[in-house]
Amino acid sequence: MPPGATLRRLADGFIWAEGPVWLPDEQALCFVDIKRGLLHRFEPASGARDTQVVGGSPSLVVRRAGGGLLVGSGHGIFALSGDGLGEPVAIVDQPKHNRTNDGTVDAQSRLWFGTMDDDETRPTGTVWCLDRGVLHHAGGEAVVTNGPAISGDGCVLYHVDSGARTIWRHVLGPEPVLGPGEVFLRLGHGEGFPDGVVVDSEDCLWVALWDGWGVRRYAPDGRLLLHIPFPCARVTKLAFGGPDLTTAYVTTARVGLNEDALAEQPLAGSLFAFDAPVAGRVLPPVRLS
């Protein structure tokens, strides 16, 4: 843990908590539960938690320019309404067995997100970019995509091929496609699988470790700077929040764990927080026009 930091459990009972995002105007955290089709909103100051049934398989949530939220689920990106998923703002042309997965927003207010084979066997996942309401196929094929995450200057995109335990670093230009890529990090057997990633204010990459019991922070040159152990194996993603963006909120999952595994890790499927050594960044809202 960072010096003086303590891992805090804020909420529990989730099956597959994912995609945390900080809402600065509300000082609240939003995240999804993929298997239950739920969107959660958590206010750290009061401890209040609201849950909305959206259906489907929500995998990401981001702010929308002008107000409201966008949710990635199944084969599309949808505007959130009071009744759940509203009208789609984009439909992904992909195999029936695919679904959306993780996402991020760049400084140009473009949504970058990945898709994956829901059976986690076929390499039909890829990265997409929603640029002013127009969907572009960006590249980066994999069975399970995760991330992406983008550097502060907007010139680097980190793309996670979870099944291959590999994180790629791509050049990112003004066009909504991935430029030349190179391997940034490849985890060994026993280290877990890289899941959600996020870049902090020093352009270091934080990696959640699925079946890796922790979160890691890597320097831009690939050096491991920090490893934070967790009391559960399936850590899914981190988001920075709080008034100064130095609180790290971390989602975890209990999906796929048998009774013996759950007895070993009863806190699986909880929302955690700890004080980070540096601040993060707030994702801009997505512009659709």
Protein backbone atom coordinates (compact mmCIF):
# COMPACT_ATOMS: atom_id res chain seq x y z
CA MET A 1 0.00 0.00 0.00
CA PRO A 2 1.14 3.60 -0.43
CA PRO A 3 2.64 4.97 2.80
CA GLY A 4 -0.13 5.57 5.32
CA ALA A 5 -2.83 4.13 3.05
CA THR A 6 -5.50 1.71 4.21
CA LEU A 7 -7.75 -0.36 2.01
CA ARG A 8 -11.37 0.46 2.85
CA ARG A 9 -14.45 -1.59 1.90
CA LEU A 10 -17.29 0.75 0.95
CA ALA A 11 -20.01 -1.58 -0.33
CA ASP A 12 -20.49 -5.25 -1.16
CA GLY A 13 -22.81 -7.80 -2.72
CA PHE A 14 -21.94 -7.25 -6.38
CA ILE A 15 -21.56 -10.11 -8.85
CA TRP A 16 -19.40 -8.40 -11.45
CA ALA A 17 -18.77 -4.75 -10.56
CA GLU A 18 -17.00 -2.94 -13.40
CA GLY A 19 -16.40 0.35 -15.16
CA PRO A 20 -16.17 2.85 -12.27
CA VAL A 21 -16.28 6.51 -13.34
CA TRP A 22 -16.17 9.65 -11.22
CA LEU A 23 -18.86 12.32 -11.64
CA PRO A 24 -17.13 15.51 -10.46
CA ASP A 25 -20.21 17.76 -10.47
CA GLU A 26 -22.03 15.32 -8.20
CA GLN A 27 -19.03 14.07 -6.21
CA ALA A 28 -20.30 10.57 -6.84
CA LEU A 29 -19.06 7.32 -8.34
CA CYS A 30 -20.97 5.32 -10.96
CA PHE A 31 -20.25 1.72 -11.91
CA VAL A 32 -22.08 -1.26 -13.37
CA ASP A 33 -22.83 -4.84 -12.38
CA ILE A 34 -22.55 -6.66 -15.70
CA LYS A 35 -24.32 -9.91 -14.87
CA ARG A 36 -27.23 -8.27 -13.05
CA GLY A 37 -27.85 -5.49 -15.55
CA LEU A 38 -27.49 -2.81 -12.88
CA LEU A 39 -26.08 0.71 -12.70
CA HIS A 40 -24.94 1.85 -9.26
CA ARG A 41 -24.32 5.38 -8.01
CA PHE A 42 -22.37 5.83 -4.77
CA GLU A 43 -21.86 9.08 -2.81
CA PRO A 44 -18.75 8.71 -0.63
CA ALA A 45 -19.55 11.70 1.59
CA SER A 46 -22.90 10.31 2.75
CA GLY A 47 -22.53 6.63 1.92
CA ALA A 48 -25.77 6.81 -0.06
CA ARG A 49 -26.15 4.28 -2.86
CA ASP A 50 -28.74 4.27 -5.63
CA THR A 51 -29.29 1.36 -7.99
CA GLN A 52 -31.02 1.47 -11.36
CA VAL A 53 -32.05 -1.60 -13.34
CA VAL A 54 -30.93 -1.03 -16.92
CA GLY A 55 -31.05 -4.62 -18.18
CA GLY A 56 -28.77 -6.20 -20.72
CA SER A 57 -25.07 -6.52 -19.94
CA PRO A 58 -23.86 -2.99 -19.10
CA SER A 59 -20.07 -2.82 -19.23
CA LEU A 60 -19.18 0.88 -19.23
CA VAL A 61 -20.67 4.19 -18.18
CA VAL A 62 -19.45 7.68 -19.13
CA ARG A 63 -20.74 11.24 -18.94
CA ARG A 64 -22.50 12.80 -21.91
CA ALA A 65 -21.88 16.42 -22.94
CA GLY A 66 -24.90 18.50 -22.05
CA GLY A 67 -25.85 16.21 -19.19
CA GLY A 68 -26.77 12.62 -18.59
CA LEU A 69 -24.89 9.36 -19.00
CA LEU A 70 -24.06 6.95 -21.79
CA VAL A 71 -23.93 3.20 -21.15
CA GLY A 72 -22.24 0.53 -23.24
CA SER A 73 -24.18 -2.74 -23.29
CA GLY A 74 -24.49 -5.67 -25.67
CA HIS A 75 -24.16 -4.31 -29.20
CA GLY A 76 -24.54 -0.62 -28.57
CA ILE A 77 -23.93 2.63 -26.77
CA PHE A 78 -27.14 3.92 -25.21
CA ALA A 79 -28.36 7.11 -23.62
CA LEU A 80 -29.45 6.42 -20.06
CA SER A 81 -33.07 7.25 -19.33
CA GLY A 82 -35.20 7.07 -16.23
CA ASP A 83 -36.51 3.70 -17.40
CA GLY A 84 -33.11 2.20 -18.17
CA LEU A 85 -31.33 2.10 -21.50
CA GLY A 86 -32.87 4.61 -23.86
CA GLU A 87 -32.32 5.08 -27.57
CA PRO A 88 -29.02 3.79 -28.95
CA VAL A 89 -26.58 6.48 -30.06
CA ALA A 90 -24.45 3.87 -31.84
CA ILE A 91 -24.83 0.21 -32.79
CA VAL A 92 -21.70 -1.90 -33.17
CA ASP A 93 -21.46 -4.13 -36.25
CA GLN A 94 -20.13 -7.29 -34.60
CA PRO A 95 -20.90 -11.02 -34.20
CA LYS A 96 -23.93 -11.96 -32.13
CA HIS A 97 -21.73 -13.56 -29.48
CA ASN A 98 -19.85 -10.30 -28.87
CA ARG A 99 -20.64 -7.51 -26.42
CA THR A 100 -19.19 -4.18 -25.37
CA ASN A 101 -16.60 -4.12 -22.61
CA ASP A 102 -14.49 -1.34 -21.06
CA GLY A 103 -14.03 2.24 -22.31
CA THR A 104 -12.49 5.68 -21.83
CA VAL A 105 -12.80 9.23 -23.19
CA ASP A 106 -10.00 11.29 -24.71
CA ALA A 107 -9.40 15.06 -24.54
CA GLN A 108 -11.34 15.50 -27.80
CA SER A 109 -14.40 14.01 -26.04
CA ARG A 110 -14.29 10.86 -28.17
CA LEU A 111 -15.36 7.57 -26.60
CA TRP A 112 -12.89 4.72 -27.09
CA PHE A 113 -14.17 1.29 -26.10
CA GLY A 114 -13.57 -2.38 -26.70
CA THR A 115 -15.74 -5.34 -27.54
CA MET A 116 -15.22 -9.00 -26.64
CA ASP A 117 -16.43 -12.52 -27.29
CA ASP A 118 -18.86 -13.14 -24.44
CA ASP A 119 -17.82 -16.81 -24.41
CA GLU A 120 -14.17 -15.68 -24.13
CA THR A 121 -12.95 -18.14 -26.77
CA ARG A 122 -12.90 -16.38 -30.16
CA PRO A 123 -10.65 -13.43 -31.17
CA THR A 124 -13.57 -11.29 -32.32
CA GLY A 125 -13.12 -8.39 -29.91
CA THR A 126 -11.73 -5.10 -31.13
CA VAL A 127 -11.39 -1.40 -30.29
CA TRP A 128 -13.90 1.19 -31.51
CA CYS A 129 -14.04 4.97 -31.40
CA LEU A 130 -17.25 6.99 -31.21
CA ASP A 131 -16.32 10.37 -32.67
CA ARG A 132 -19.10 13.00 -32.70
CA GLY A 133 -21.74 10.31 -33.02
CA VAL A 134 -19.96 8.39 -35.78
CA LEU A 135 -18.60 4.95 -34.94
CA HIS A 136 -15.17 3.94 -36.29
CA HIS A 137 -13.46 0.55 -36.18
CA ALA A 138 -10.05 1.38 -34.65
CA GLY A 139 -8.24 -2.00 -34.63
CA GLY A 140 -6.64 -3.97 -31.80
CA GLU A 141 -8.21 -7.41 -32.21
CA ALA A 142 -8.40 -9.73 -29.17
CA VAL A 143 -10.65 -12.29 -27.50
CA VAL A 144 -11.23 -9.95 -24.55
CA THR A 145 -10.33 -6.29 -24.92
CA ASN A 146 -9.89 -4.12 -21.83
CA GLY A 147 -8.98 -0.54 -21.25
CA PRO A 148 -8.38 1.43 -23.23
CA ALA A 149 -6.58 4.23 -21.39
CA ILE A 150 -5.04 7.36 -22.92
CA SER A 151 -2.02 9.44 -21.88
CA GLY A 152 -2.46 13.03 -20.75
CA ASP A 153 -1.13 14.47 -24.01
CA GLY A 154 -3.47 12.24 -26.02
CA CYS A 155 -0.62 10.69 -28.00
CA VAL A 156 -0.62 7.20 -26.49
CA LEU A 157 -3.44 4.67 -26.12
CA TYR A 158 -3.02 1.57 -23.95
CA HIS A 159 -4.98 -1.42 -25.24
CA VAL A 160 -5.35 -4.54 -23.09
CA ASP A 161 -5.49 -8.04 -24.58
CA SER A 162 -6.54 -9.72 -21.34
CA GLY A 163 -6.43 -13.35 -22.45
CA ALA A 164 -2.88 -12.95 -23.76
CA ARG A 165 -1.86 -11.15 -20.51
CA THR A 166 -0.57 -8.32 -22.72
CA ILE A 167 -0.93 -4.53 -22.71
CA TRP A 168 -0.17 -2.77 -25.99
CA ARG A 169 0.88 0.86 -26.37
CA HIS A 170 -0.33 2.49 -29.59
CA VAL A 171 0.46 5.81 -31.17
CA LEU A 172 -2.69 7.93 -31.24
CA GLY A 173 -3.17 10.72 -33.73
CA PRO A 174 -6.08 12.95 -34.75
CA GLU A 175 -7.82 10.16 -36.67
CA PRO A 176 -10.08 7.69 -34.79
CA VAL A 177 -7.84 4.67 -35.42
CA LEU A 178 -4.99 3.01 -33.57
CA GLY A 179 -1.54 3.88 -34.85
CA PRO A 180 1.54 1.63 -34.69
CA GLY A 181 1.68 -0.45 -31.52
CA GLU A 182 4.28 -2.12 -29.33
CA VAL A 183 4.09 -4.38 -26.28
CA PHE A 184 4.11 -2.27 -23.14
CA LEU A 185 3.71 -5.07 -20.62
CA ARG A 186 3.24 -8.83 -20.61
CA LEU A 187 2.32 -10.50 -17.32
CA GLY A 188 3.65 -13.92 -16.46
CA HIS A 189 1.64 -16.94 -15.39
CA GLY A 190 0.65 -16.57 -11.76
CA GLU A 191 0.45 -12.77 -11.95
CA GLY A 192 -3.16 -12.74 -13.10
CA PHE A 193 -4.69 -11.18 -16.21
CA PRO A 194 -4.65 -7.43 -16.89
CA ASP A 195 -8.20 -6.09 -16.66
CA GLY A 196 -9.26 -2.42 -16.50
CA VAL A 197 -6.57 0.26 -16.79
CA VAL A 198 -6.44 3.99 -16.08
CA VAL A 199 -3.76 6.70 -16.38
CA ASP A 200 -3.01 9.07 -13.48
CA SER A 201 -1.82 12.69 -13.51
CA GLU A 202 1.81 11.57 -13.89
CA ASP A 203 0.94 9.40 -16.90
CA CYS A 204 1.53 6.21 -14.94
CA LEU A 205 -0.71 3.27 -15.77
CA TRP A 206 -2.78 1.57 -13.06
CA VAL A 207 -3.71 -2.02 -13.88
CA ALA A 208 -6.40 -4.10 -12.14
CA LEU A 209 -5.41 -7.77 -11.95
CA TRP A 210 -8.13 -10.34 -12.64
CA ASP A 211 -7.17 -13.48 -10.71
CA GLY A 212 -4.14 -11.51 -9.57
CA TRP A 213 -5.34 -10.33 -6.14
CA GLY A 214 -4.28 -6.73 -6.59
CA VAL A 215 -3.69 -3.48 -8.42
CA ARG A 216 -0.39 -2.31 -9.90
CA ARG A 217 1.04 1.04 -10.96
CA TYR A 218 3.52 1.15 -13.85
CA ALA A 219 5.72 4.02 -15.02
CA PRO A 220 5.44 5.11 -18.67
CA ASP A 221 8.63 3.13 -19.39
CA GLY A 222 7.05 -0.07 -18.03
CA ARG A 223 8.73 -0.16 -14.61
CA LEU A 224 6.61 -1.55 -11.78
CA LEU A 225 6.23 1.22 -9.19
CA LEU A 226 3.63 -0.14 -6.82
CA HIS A 227 1.68 -3.31 -6.09
CA ILE A 228 -1.37 -3.10 -3.83
CA PRO A 229 -2.67 -6.47 -2.60
CA PHE A 230 -6.41 -7.10 -2.32
CA PRO A 231 -8.35 -9.65 -0.26
CA CYS A 232 -10.03 -10.99 -3.40
CA ALA A 233 -8.75 -12.35 -6.69
CA ARG A 234 -10.89 -10.70 -9.34
CA VAL A 235 -10.05 -7.01 -9.31
CA THR A 236 -11.68 -5.30 -12.29
CA LYS A 237 -10.90 -1.57 -12.51
CA LEU A 238 -9.83 1.59 -10.68
CA ALA A 239 -11.15 5.16 -10.92
CA PHE A 240 -9.83 8.30 -9.24
CA GLY A 241 -12.28 10.49 -7.38
CA GLY A 242 -12.87 12.69 -4.38
CA PRO A 243 -12.49 16.48 -4.18
CA ASP A 244 -8.79 16.33 -5.12
CA LEU A 245 -8.93 13.13 -7.21
CA THR A 246 -6.58 11.27 -4.86
CA THR A 247 -9.03 8.61 -3.73
CA ALA A 248 -8.75 5.40 -5.73
CA TYR A 249 -12.06 3.53 -6.02
CA VAL A 250 -11.72 -0.09 -7.08
CA THR A 251 -14.38 -2.56 -8.25
CA THR A 252 -14.12 -6.34 -7.89
CA ALA A 253 -16.09 -9.42 -8.96
CA ARG A 254 -17.22 -12.77 -7.58
CA VAL A 255 -18.54 -14.13 -10.86
CA GLY A 256 -17.33 -17.66 -11.63
CA LEU A 257 -16.01 -18.38 -8.14
CA ASN A 258 -17.09 -21.66 -6.54
CA GLU A 259 -18.01 -22.15 -2.90
CA ASP A 260 -14.46 -23.01 -1.87
CA ALA A 261 -13.07 -19.89 -3.55
CA LEU A 262 -15.74 -17.67 -1.99
CA ALA A 263 -14.97 -19.11 1.43
CA GLU A 264 -11.36 -18.06 0.90
CA GLN A 265 -12.31 -14.57 -0.29
CA PRO A 266 -15.65 -13.53 1.25
CA LEU A 267 -15.05 -9.88 0.26
CA ALA A 268 -15.08 -10.69 -3.47
CA GLY A 269 -17.59 -8.48 -5.25
CA SER A 270 -16.98 -5.45 -3.03
CA LEU A 271 -16.23 -1.81 -3.80
CA PHE A 272 -12.98 -0.68 -2.18
CA ALA A 273 -11.09 2.59 -1.81
CA PHE A 274 -7.62 3.71 -0.78
CA ASP A 275 -5.66 6.97 -0.74
CA ALA A 276 -3.50 7.15 -3.85
CA PRO A 277 0.01 8.67 -3.87
CA VAL A 278 -0.90 10.94 -6.80
CA ALA A 279 -4.05 12.43 -8.26
CA GLY A 280 -5.88 11.02 -11.23
CA ARG A 281 -7.76 12.75 -14.03
CA VAL A 282 -11.46 13.21 -14.71
CA LEU A 283 -12.69 11.78 -17.99
CA PRO A 284 -14.28 14.46 -20.21
CA PRO A 285 -17.91 14.01 -21.24
CA VAL A 286 -18.56 12.41 -24.62
CA ARG A 287 -19.68 14.77 -27.38
CA LEU A 288 -22.11 13.30 -29.87
CA SER A 289 -22.16 16.20 -32.32
